Amino acid sequence: YVAHSTADGNGVAVSWAKPTLTRVAGKIVSASATWTTQVVNKSLCPDVSGKAPGICGSTQFATIARDSAGTLYVSFSSRKFNAKGDQTGPYNVYVVHSTGSGKSLKWSTPVQVSHDGTNSFSWVTVGSSGRAAMAWYHSDEASEKGNYTFDGLTHTEFSVQVGESINATSAHPTYTIATVSEHPIKYG
């Protein structure tokens, strides 16, 4: 399984395949695979022609993990855009999880994990069934002079936050959020 951005940057996708190996005298000489891909954030960021895209953009940093029960989790960041493609809101961290298996994977509605400031570069880790945690970079401000891009936050303090859940697969999961860096890791 591989989590990634779609080519247009609007989607977060998961692709998977089972390789077929060709062996000659016990040595692998080639491998091939037929990949299946599903976009996992369509409800958050639909591709609707001629309309503002809403919350879009995966910041090209989607991560994936599988818990001990076999459930997949994908963590990613998205931000708000207007119809002209200008960013109009901060980055936030979201997570989806799967049910089913193989080509019949069904993905949950994205759940926003982060709050306040701007948040990106998440990484997901999981344990037993329904236990998931994401770590990400968090800034103490969402925008500066109306600019929401990371590069536009020239006076912010960045820290590391973690969101942790013991009911991540429930209909209404809850996440406890904590700042885990002792001091800011970056200024501006």
Protein backbone atom coordinates (compact mmCIF):
# COMPACT_ATOMS: atom_id res chain seq x y z
CA TYR A 1 0.00 0.00 0.00
CA VAL A 2 1.22 3.48 -0.91
CA ALA A 3 -0.44 6.76 0.12
CA HIS A 4 0.20 9.70 -2.22
CA SER A 5 -1.14 12.88 -3.78
CA THR A 6 -3.00 12.73 -7.07
CA ALA A 7 -1.39 14.40 -10.08
CA ASP A 8 -3.59 17.51 -9.78
CA GLY A 9 -2.80 17.98 -6.06
CA ASN A 10 -6.50 17.87 -5.08
CA GLY A 11 -6.64 14.27 -4.08
CA VAL A 12 -5.11 11.94 -1.56
CA ALA A 13 -4.96 8.42 -2.94
CA VAL A 14 -4.00 4.95 -1.86
CA SER A 15 -2.56 2.57 -4.45
CA TRP A 16 -1.90 -1.11 -3.90
CA ALA A 17 -0.79 -4.16 -5.82
CA LYS A 18 0.48 -7.66 -5.27
CA PRO A 19 3.60 -8.21 -7.36
CA THR A 20 4.05 -11.18 -9.64
CA LEU A 21 7.64 -12.37 -9.61
CA THR A 22 9.31 -14.18 -12.49
CA ARG A 23 12.10 -16.53 -11.40
CA VAL A 24 14.76 -18.26 -13.45
CA ALA A 25 16.79 -20.90 -11.64
CA GLY A 26 15.46 -19.54 -8.32
CA LYS A 27 16.61 -15.99 -9.05
CA ILE A 28 14.06 -13.18 -9.46
CA VAL A 29 14.54 -11.74 -12.94
CA SER A 30 11.48 -9.48 -13.15
CA ALA A 31 8.46 -8.27 -11.24
CA SER A 32 5.19 -6.86 -12.47
CA ALA A 33 2.00 -5.67 -10.84
CA THR A 34 -1.40 -4.30 -11.68
CA TRP A 35 -2.10 -1.35 -9.40
CA THR A 36 -5.48 -0.34 -7.97
CA THR A 37 -5.92 3.27 -6.84
CA GLN A 38 -8.64 4.91 -4.75
CA VAL A 39 -8.96 8.59 -3.87
CA VAL A 40 -9.69 8.77 -0.13
CA ASN A 41 -10.60 12.47 0.32
CA LYS A 42 -13.37 12.95 -2.31
CA SER A 43 -15.93 14.05 0.29
CA LEU A 44 -13.51 16.69 1.58
CA CYS A 45 -12.34 17.87 -1.81
CA PRO A 46 -14.65 16.96 -4.67
CA ASP A 47 -13.53 17.69 -8.22
CA VAL A 48 -16.53 19.70 -9.43
CA SER A 49 -15.97 21.50 -12.70
CA GLY A 50 -16.57 25.26 -12.56
CA LYS A 51 -17.01 25.44 -8.78
CA ALA A 52 -14.70 26.44 -5.96
CA PRO A 53 -12.91 23.29 -4.84
CA GLY A 54 -13.42 23.85 -1.11
CA ILE A 55 -10.80 22.16 1.06
CA CYS A 56 -8.14 20.73 -1.23
CA GLY A 57 -4.50 20.06 -1.60
CA SER A 58 -2.70 17.25 0.11
CA THR A 59 0.61 19.10 0.56
CA GLN A 60 2.18 16.07 -1.10
CA PHE A 61 2.70 14.35 2.25
CA ALA A 62 0.26 11.51 2.88
CA THR A 63 1.31 8.65 5.17
CA ILE A 64 -0.25 5.24 5.74
CA ALA A 65 -0.19 2.60 8.49
CA ARG A 66 -2.05 -0.65 9.29
CA ASP A 67 -3.20 -1.57 12.80
CA SER A 68 -3.08 -5.07 14.30
CA ALA A 69 -6.66 -5.72 13.13
CA GLY A 70 -5.75 -4.92 9.50
CA THR A 71 -7.41 -1.50 9.31
CA LEU A 72 -5.52 1.03 7.16
CA TYR A 73 -5.17 4.68 8.23
CA VAL A 74 -4.06 7.57 6.01
CA SER A 75 -3.03 10.90 7.48
CA PHE A 76 -2.66 14.02 5.33
CA SER A 77 -2.91 17.81 5.39
CA SER A 78 -5.31 19.89 3.34
CA ARG A 79 -6.04 23.58 2.99
CA LYS A 80 -8.86 25.80 1.70
CA PHE A 81 -8.74 27.38 -1.77
CA ASN A 82 -11.01 29.72 -3.66
CA ALA A 83 -12.06 29.23 -7.29
CA LYS A 84 -8.99 31.18 -8.49
CA GLY A 85 -6.67 28.78 -6.71
CA ASP A 86 -5.67 31.16 -3.89
CA GLN A 87 -5.26 29.63 -0.46
CA THR A 88 -7.96 31.03 1.85
CA GLY A 89 -7.50 28.95 4.99
CA PRO A 90 -4.81 27.24 7.03
CA TYR A 91 -3.50 23.72 6.62
CA ASN A 92 -5.14 21.12 8.86
CA VAL A 93 -4.38 17.48 9.54
CA TYR A 94 -7.00 14.88 8.57
CA VAL A 95 -7.20 11.10 8.86
CA VAL A 96 -9.27 8.43 7.11
CA HIS A 97 -9.43 4.72 7.84
CA SER A 98 -10.46 1.75 5.73
CA THR A 99 -12.81 -1.14 6.13
CA GLY A 100 -12.93 -4.14 3.87
CA SER A 101 -9.97 -5.53 2.02
CA GLY A 102 -8.49 -5.93 -1.43
CA LYS A 103 -10.32 -4.10 -4.20
CA SER A 104 -13.35 -3.49 -1.98
CA LEU A 105 -11.68 -1.08 0.47
CA LYS A 106 -14.15 1.48 1.81
CA TRP A 107 -12.80 4.67 3.31
CA SER A 108 -14.27 6.71 6.15
CA THR A 109 -15.13 10.38 5.86
CA PRO A 110 -12.01 12.46 6.62
CA VAL A 111 -11.80 13.55 10.26
CA GLN A 112 -10.01 16.80 11.09
CA VAL A 113 -7.55 16.07 13.89
CA SER A 114 -5.68 19.39 14.27
CA HIS A 115 -7.08 22.67 15.57
CA ASP A 116 -5.86 26.27 15.57
CA GLY A 117 -2.79 27.61 13.79
CA THR A 118 -1.66 25.86 10.65
CA ASN A 119 -0.69 22.20 10.65
CA SER A 120 1.12 20.04 8.13
CA PHE A 121 3.58 17.23 7.45
CA SER A 122 1.65 14.65 9.47
CA TRP A 123 2.84 11.13 10.12
CA VAL A 124 0.51 8.35 11.27
CA THR A 125 1.32 5.43 13.53
CA VAL A 126 -1.10 2.81 14.85
CA GLY A 127 -1.28 -0.05 17.34
CA SER A 128 -4.14 -2.33 18.27
CA SER A 129 -7.57 -1.94 16.69
CA GLY A 130 -8.78 1.68 16.73
CA ARG A 131 -5.62 3.13 18.30
CA ALA A 132 -4.01 5.74 16.10
CA ALA A 133 -1.76 8.74 16.53
CA MET A 134 -0.57 11.47 14.20
CA ALA A 135 2.39 13.81 14.74
CA TRP A 136 2.74 17.04 12.74
CA TYR A 137 4.28 20.50 12.58
CA HIS A 138 2.04 23.13 14.19
CA SER A 139 2.36 26.91 14.01
CA ASP A 140 1.01 29.30 16.62
CA GLU A 141 -0.72 31.41 13.93
CA ALA A 142 -2.91 30.50 10.97
CA SER A 143 -2.06 33.43 8.70
CA GLU A 144 0.00 36.56 8.48
CA LYS A 145 -1.49 39.55 6.67
CA GLY A 146 -4.00 37.19 5.02
CA ASN A 147 -1.28 34.83 3.79
CA TYR A 148 -1.87 31.21 4.85
CA THR A 149 1.14 29.58 3.19
CA PHE A 150 3.92 28.22 5.38
CA ASP A 151 6.40 30.52 3.66
CA GLY A 152 4.14 33.49 4.46
CA LEU A 153 4.24 32.84 8.21
CA THR A 154 7.43 34.82 8.81
CA HIS A 155 6.83 35.54 12.52
CA THR A 156 5.34 32.26 13.70
CA GLU A 157 6.69 29.67 16.09
CA PHE A 158 6.52 26.05 14.95
CA SER A 159 6.27 23.13 17.37
CA VAL A 160 5.43 19.43 17.12
CA GLN A 161 1.95 18.28 18.10
CA VAL A 162 0.49 14.80 18.44
CA GLY A 163 -3.16 13.78 18.17
CA GLU A 164 -3.97 10.43 19.78
CA SER A 165 -7.15 8.34 19.64
CA ILE A 166 -8.26 5.05 21.18
CA ASN A 167 -11.50 5.03 19.15
CA ALA A 168 -10.22 6.07 15.71
CA THR A 169 -12.56 3.71 13.86
CA SER A 170 -15.76 4.83 15.62
CA ALA A 171 -18.40 6.96 13.91
CA HIS A 172 -17.27 9.96 16.00
CA PRO A 173 -13.62 9.44 16.95
CA THR A 174 -12.00 11.65 19.56
CA TYR A 175 -8.40 12.83 19.53
CA THR A 176 -6.39 14.17 22.44
CA ILE A 177 -3.90 16.76 21.20
CA ALA A 178 -0.67 17.70 22.95
CA THR A 179 2.36 19.81 22.07
CA VAL A 180 5.27 17.41 22.47
CA SER A 181 8.28 19.57 21.65
CA GLU A 182 9.72 21.28 24.73
CA HIS A 183 10.23 24.53 22.84
CA PRO A 184 9.56 25.81 19.32
CA ILE A 185 11.50 23.87 16.71
CA LYS A 186 11.51 26.69 14.16
CA TYR A 187 10.82 30.42 14.05
CA GLY A 188 9.39 32.00 10.91
